[in-house]
Amino acid sequence: MILHCVFCDFRPDADRAACHAVLSELAQFSHTLDGVLGFDHGPNADYEGKSPRVSDGFVIRFSDREALAHYADHPTHKALGARLCDLCEDGADGIMVVDLVTND
């Protein structure tokens, strides 16, 4: 399984409703694809004080690398990703992606 973890640094002036909308649309879209096992998103509580620049994030659970590749190449993902970048500080540089390969 692959945990596709995406951490966003939304601009302070970004409309919160627009931020929530794009995350919700990513969740809805991801559930239409084969190999997607789950999608969770929410604000960063930063309980340990180690990620102050991350305002929000999401995790998509993929069954395998092929499912992630299909998602990444999909035109809907690219359009939603562009909207997400527009809402982040410094565009795409305001997004960090970590793909964790698990044994589950």
N, C-alpha and C. Protein backbone atom coordinates (compact mmCIF):
# COMPACT_ATOMS: atom_id res chain seq x y z
N MET A 1 0.85 -1.17 0.00
CA MET A 1 0.00 0.00 0.00
C MET A 1 0.90 1.23 0.00
N ILE A 2 0.41 2.28 -0.62
CA ILE A 2 1.12 3.55 -0.63
C ILE A 2 0.25 4.60 0.04
N LEU A 3 0.83 5.30 1.00
CA LEU A 3 0.18 6.45 1.62
C LEU A 3 0.73 7.69 0.94
N HIS A 4 -0.09 8.34 0.16
CA HIS A 4 0.27 9.55 -0.57
C HIS A 4 -0.13 10.72 0.33
N CYS A 5 0.87 11.30 1.00
CA CYS A 5 0.64 12.34 2.00
C CYS A 5 0.98 13.71 1.40
N VAL A 6 0.02 14.61 1.43
CA VAL A 6 0.19 15.93 0.82
C VAL A 6 -0.06 16.98 1.88
N PHE A 7 0.93 17.87 2.05
CA PHE A 7 0.86 18.91 3.08
C PHE A 7 0.87 20.28 2.41
N CYS A 8 -0.11 21.11 2.75
CA CYS A 8 -0.32 22.39 2.07
C CYS A 8 -0.05 23.56 3.01
N ASP A 9 0.58 24.58 2.45
CA ASP A 9 0.79 25.86 3.13
C ASP A 9 -0.11 26.87 2.42
N PHE A 10 -1.41 26.86 2.81
CA PHE A 10 -2.34 27.78 2.17
C PHE A 10 -1.97 29.23 2.48
N ARG A 11 -2.09 30.08 1.48
CA ARG A 11 -1.82 31.51 1.65
C ARG A 11 -2.75 32.07 2.72
N PRO A 12 -2.26 33.03 3.52
CA PRO A 12 -3.13 33.63 4.54
C PRO A 12 -4.37 34.29 3.95
N ASP A 13 -4.25 34.79 2.71
CA ASP A 13 -5.39 35.46 2.09
C ASP A 13 -6.26 34.52 1.26
N ALA A 14 -5.92 33.23 1.23
CA ALA A 14 -6.72 32.26 0.46
C ALA A 14 -8.07 32.09 1.13
N ASP A 15 -9.10 32.05 0.32
CA ASP A 15 -10.46 31.85 0.82
C ASP A 15 -10.58 30.45 1.40
N ARG A 16 -10.94 30.36 2.67
CA ARG A 16 -11.01 29.05 3.34
C ARG A 16 -12.06 28.14 2.69
N ALA A 17 -13.14 28.73 2.19
CA ALA A 17 -14.15 27.92 1.53
C ALA A 17 -13.58 27.30 0.25
N ALA A 18 -12.76 28.06 -0.47
CA ALA A 18 -12.14 27.54 -1.69
C ALA A 18 -11.14 26.44 -1.35
N CYS A 19 -10.40 26.60 -0.26
CA CYS A 19 -9.45 25.57 0.18
C CYS A 19 -10.18 24.28 0.52
N HIS A 20 -11.25 24.41 1.28
CA HIS A 20 -12.03 23.22 1.67
C HIS A 20 -12.66 22.58 0.43
N ALA A 21 -13.14 23.41 -0.49
CA ALA A 21 -13.80 22.88 -1.69
C ALA A 21 -12.85 22.03 -2.52
N VAL A 22 -11.63 22.52 -2.74
CA VAL A 22 -10.70 21.75 -3.58
C VAL A 22 -10.31 20.44 -2.90
N LEU A 23 -10.15 20.44 -1.59
CA LEU A 23 -9.84 19.20 -0.88
C LEU A 23 -11.02 18.23 -0.95
N SER A 24 -12.22 18.73 -0.82
CA SER A 24 -13.41 17.88 -0.92
C SER A 24 -13.56 17.31 -2.32
N GLU A 25 -13.27 18.13 -3.34
CA GLU A 25 -13.36 17.65 -4.72
C GLU A 25 -12.29 16.61 -5.01
N LEU A 26 -11.09 16.77 -4.44
CA LEU A 26 -10.07 15.75 -4.58
C LEU A 26 -10.53 14.43 -3.95
N ALA A 27 -11.17 14.53 -2.79
CA ALA A 27 -11.68 13.33 -2.12
C ALA A 27 -12.73 12.65 -2.99
N GLN A 28 -13.69 13.42 -3.49
CA GLN A 28 -14.75 12.84 -4.33
C GLN A 28 -14.17 12.20 -5.58
N PHE A 29 -13.25 12.90 -6.22
CA PHE A 29 -12.63 12.38 -7.44
C PHE A 29 -11.85 11.09 -7.15
N SER A 30 -11.07 11.08 -6.09
CA SER A 30 -10.22 9.92 -5.82
C SER A 30 -11.04 8.66 -5.62
N HIS A 31 -12.21 8.81 -5.03
CA HIS A 31 -13.06 7.64 -4.77
C HIS A 31 -13.65 7.05 -6.05
N THR A 32 -13.50 7.71 -7.18
CA THR A 32 -14.00 7.17 -8.45
C THR A 32 -12.96 6.27 -9.12
N LEU A 33 -11.76 6.21 -8.58
CA LEU A 33 -10.66 5.50 -9.23
C LEU A 33 -10.41 4.13 -8.60
N ASP A 34 -10.11 3.17 -9.44
CA ASP A 34 -9.71 1.85 -8.96
C ASP A 34 -8.39 1.97 -8.20
N GLY A 35 -8.26 1.24 -7.14
CA GLY A 35 -7.01 1.21 -6.38
C GLY A 35 -6.92 2.25 -5.29
N VAL A 36 -7.93 3.11 -5.15
CA VAL A 36 -7.95 4.08 -4.06
C VAL A 36 -8.69 3.42 -2.89
N LEU A 37 -8.01 3.32 -1.77
CA LEU A 37 -8.57 2.63 -0.60
C LEU A 37 -9.15 3.60 0.42
N GLY A 38 -8.79 4.87 0.33
CA GLY A 38 -9.32 5.86 1.26
C GLY A 38 -8.71 7.22 1.04
N PHE A 39 -9.39 8.23 1.55
CA PHE A 39 -8.93 9.62 1.45
C PHE A 39 -9.36 10.32 2.72
N ASP A 40 -8.41 10.94 3.40
CA ASP A 40 -8.69 11.72 4.60
C ASP A 40 -8.03 13.08 4.46
N HIS A 41 -8.71 14.13 4.91
CA HIS A 41 -8.11 15.47 4.86
C HIS A 41 -8.58 16.28 6.06
N GLY A 42 -7.80 17.31 6.37
CA GLY A 42 -8.17 18.18 7.47
C GLY A 42 -7.09 19.19 7.78
N PRO A 43 -7.38 20.07 8.73
CA PRO A 43 -6.40 21.08 9.13
C PRO A 43 -5.30 20.46 9.99
N ASN A 44 -4.13 21.08 9.95
CA ASN A 44 -2.99 20.63 10.75
C ASN A 44 -3.11 21.20 12.16
N ALA A 45 -3.20 20.34 13.14
CA ALA A 45 -3.25 20.78 14.54
C ALA A 45 -1.85 21.11 15.06
N ASP A 46 -0.81 20.55 14.47
CA ASP A 46 0.60 20.79 14.84
C ASP A 46 0.82 20.69 16.34
N TYR A 47 0.36 19.62 16.94
CA TYR A 47 0.47 19.44 18.39
C TYR A 47 1.90 19.46 18.89
N GLU A 48 2.86 19.04 18.07
CA GLU A 48 4.26 19.01 18.50
C GLU A 48 5.03 20.25 18.08
N GLY A 49 4.40 21.17 17.38
CA GLY A 49 5.07 22.40 16.96
C GLY A 49 6.17 22.17 15.93
N LYS A 50 6.02 21.14 15.10
CA LYS A 50 7.07 20.81 14.13
C LYS A 50 6.69 21.13 12.69
N SER A 51 5.48 21.61 12.48
CA SER A 51 5.04 21.87 11.10
C SER A 51 4.19 23.14 11.01
N PRO A 52 4.73 24.26 11.50
CA PRO A 52 3.91 25.48 11.54
C PRO A 52 3.51 26.02 10.17
N ARG A 53 4.27 25.70 9.12
CA ARG A 53 3.91 26.21 7.79
C ARG A 53 2.81 25.39 7.13
N VAL A 54 2.53 24.22 7.64
CA VAL A 54 1.51 23.36 7.05
C VAL A 54 0.16 23.72 7.68
N SER A 55 -0.74 24.23 6.85
CA SER A 55 -2.06 24.60 7.39
C SER A 55 -3.06 23.45 7.27
N ASP A 56 -2.92 22.64 6.22
CA ASP A 56 -3.86 21.56 5.95
C ASP A 56 -3.14 20.44 5.21
N GLY A 57 -3.80 19.30 5.13
CA GLY A 57 -3.21 18.22 4.37
C GLY A 57 -4.21 17.13 4.09
N PHE A 58 -3.76 16.17 3.29
CA PHE A 58 -4.59 15.01 3.01
C PHE A 58 -3.71 13.80 2.77
N VAL A 59 -4.32 12.63 2.97
CA VAL A 59 -3.65 11.35 2.75
C VAL A 59 -4.58 10.50 1.89
N ILE A 60 -4.03 9.98 0.80
CA ILE A 60 -4.77 9.03 -0.03
C ILE A 60 -4.07 7.68 0.10
N ARG A 61 -4.85 6.64 0.37
CA ARG A 61 -4.32 5.29 0.45
C ARG A 61 -4.54 4.59 -0.90
N PHE A 62 -3.44 4.22 -1.54
CA PHE A 62 -3.49 3.52 -2.83
C PHE A 62 -3.09 2.08 -2.64
N SER A 63 -3.68 1.20 -3.42
CA SER A 63 -3.36 -0.22 -3.32
C SER A 63 -1.94 -0.50 -3.80
N ASP A 64 -1.49 0.27 -4.81
CA ASP A 64 -0.16 0.02 -5.38
C ASP A 64 0.31 1.22 -6.18
N ARG A 65 1.51 1.12 -6.71
CA ARG A 65 2.14 2.20 -7.47
C ARG A 65 1.36 2.52 -8.74
N GLU A 66 0.79 1.52 -9.37
CA GLU A 66 0.03 1.74 -10.60
C GLU A 66 -1.20 2.60 -10.33
N ALA A 67 -1.87 2.37 -9.21
CA ALA A 67 -3.04 3.18 -8.86
C ALA A 67 -2.64 4.63 -8.63
N LEU A 68 -1.52 4.84 -7.96
CA LEU A 68 -1.02 6.20 -7.75
C LEU A 68 -0.67 6.86 -9.08
N ALA A 69 -0.03 6.12 -9.97
CA ALA A 69 0.35 6.67 -11.27
C ALA A 69 -0.88 7.06 -12.08
N HIS A 70 -1.91 6.23 -12.03
CA HIS A 70 -3.16 6.54 -12.75
C HIS A 70 -3.77 7.84 -12.21
N TYR A 71 -3.81 7.97 -10.90
CA TYR A 71 -4.31 9.19 -10.26
C TYR A 71 -3.48 10.40 -10.68
N ALA A 72 -2.17 10.27 -10.61
CA ALA A 72 -1.28 11.40 -10.91
C ALA A 72 -1.40 11.87 -12.35
N ASP A 73 -1.63 10.96 -13.28
CA ASP A 73 -1.71 11.30 -14.70
C ASP A 73 -3.11 11.73 -15.15
N HIS A 74 -4.09 11.57 -14.29
CA HIS A 74 -5.47 11.84 -14.68
C HIS A 74 -5.70 13.35 -14.87
N PRO A 75 -6.40 13.75 -15.93
CA PRO A 75 -6.64 15.18 -16.18
C PRO A 75 -7.39 15.88 -15.05
N THR A 76 -8.29 15.18 -14.39
CA THR A 76 -9.03 15.78 -13.27
C THR A 76 -8.08 16.09 -12.12
N HIS A 77 -7.16 15.16 -11.83
CA HIS A 77 -6.16 15.41 -10.79
C HIS A 77 -5.32 16.63 -11.15
N LYS A 78 -4.90 16.72 -12.39
CA LYS A 78 -4.07 17.85 -12.82
C LYS A 78 -4.80 19.18 -12.68
N ALA A 79 -6.08 19.20 -13.01
CA ALA A 79 -6.87 20.44 -12.87
C ALA A 79 -7.07 20.81 -11.40
N LEU A 80 -7.40 19.83 -10.58
CA LEU A 80 -7.57 20.11 -9.15
C LEU A 80 -6.24 20.48 -8.51
N GLY A 81 -5.16 19.83 -8.94
CA GLY A 81 -3.84 20.16 -8.42
C GLY A 81 -3.44 21.59 -8.75
N ALA A 82 -3.79 22.05 -9.94
CA ALA A 82 -3.51 23.44 -10.31
C ALA A 82 -4.27 24.41 -9.41
N ARG A 83 -5.53 24.08 -9.12
CA ARG A 83 -6.31 24.93 -8.20
C ARG A 83 -5.69 24.93 -6.81
N LEU A 84 -5.23 23.77 -6.36
CA LEU A 84 -4.60 23.66 -5.05
C LEU A 84 -3.34 24.53 -5.00
N CYS A 85 -2.52 24.45 -6.04
CA CYS A 85 -1.29 25.26 -6.10
C CYS A 85 -1.60 26.75 -6.04
N ASP A 86 -2.66 27.16 -6.73
CA ASP A 86 -3.04 28.58 -6.74
C ASP A 86 -3.38 29.09 -5.34
N LEU A 87 -3.82 28.20 -4.46
CA LEU A 87 -4.22 28.60 -3.11
C LEU A 87 -3.05 28.58 -2.12
N CYS A 88 -1.92 28.01 -2.53
CA CYS A 88 -0.79 27.83 -1.62
C CYS A 88 0.25 28.93 -1.75
N GLU A 89 0.92 29.18 -0.65
CA GLU A 89 2.04 30.11 -0.61
C GLU A 89 3.10 29.63 -1.59
N ASP A 90 3.52 30.50 -2.47
CA ASP A 90 4.54 30.18 -3.48
C ASP A 90 4.11 29.06 -4.44
N GLY A 91 2.80 28.93 -4.67
CA GLY A 91 2.30 27.95 -5.64
C GLY A 91 2.68 26.53 -5.28
N ALA A 92 3.23 25.81 -6.25
CA ALA A 92 3.59 24.41 -6.03
C ALA A 92 4.64 24.24 -4.94
N ASP A 93 5.45 25.28 -4.71
CA ASP A 93 6.45 25.19 -3.64
C ASP A 93 5.82 25.21 -2.26
N GLY A 94 4.55 25.55 -2.18
CA GLY A 94 3.82 25.55 -0.91
C GLY A 94 3.17 24.21 -0.61
N ILE A 95 3.55 23.19 -1.37
CA ILE A 95 3.00 21.85 -1.18
C ILE A 95 4.15 20.86 -1.03
N MET A 96 4.05 20.01 -0.02
CA MET A 96 5.03 18.95 0.17
C MET A 96 4.31 17.61 0.01
N VAL A 97 4.91 16.71 -0.74
CA VAL A 97 4.33 15.38 -0.97
C VAL A 97 5.30 14.32 -0.45
N VAL A 98 4.77 13.38 0.32
CA VAL A 98 5.55 12.25 0.81
C VAL A 98 4.76 10.99 0.49
N ASP A 99 5.40 10.05 -0.20
CA ASP A 99 4.77 8.77 -0.51
C ASP A 99 5.42 7.68 0.34
N LEU A 100 4.64 7.16 1.27
CA LEU A 100 5.13 6.12 2.17
C LEU A 100 4.66 4.75 1.67
N VAL A 101 5.58 3.83 1.52
CA VAL A 101 5.25 2.47 1.12
C VAL A 101 5.13 1.65 2.40
N THR A 102 3.96 1.06 2.59
CA THR A 102 3.72 0.29 3.81
C THR A 102 3.56 -1.18 3.47
N ASN A 103 3.60 -2.01 4.48
CA ASN A 103 3.44 -3.45 4.31
C ASN A 103 1.99 -3.90 4.40
N ASP A 104 1.10 -2.99 4.65
CA ASP A 104 -0.34 -3.37 4.81
C ASP A 104 -0.98 -3.69 3.49
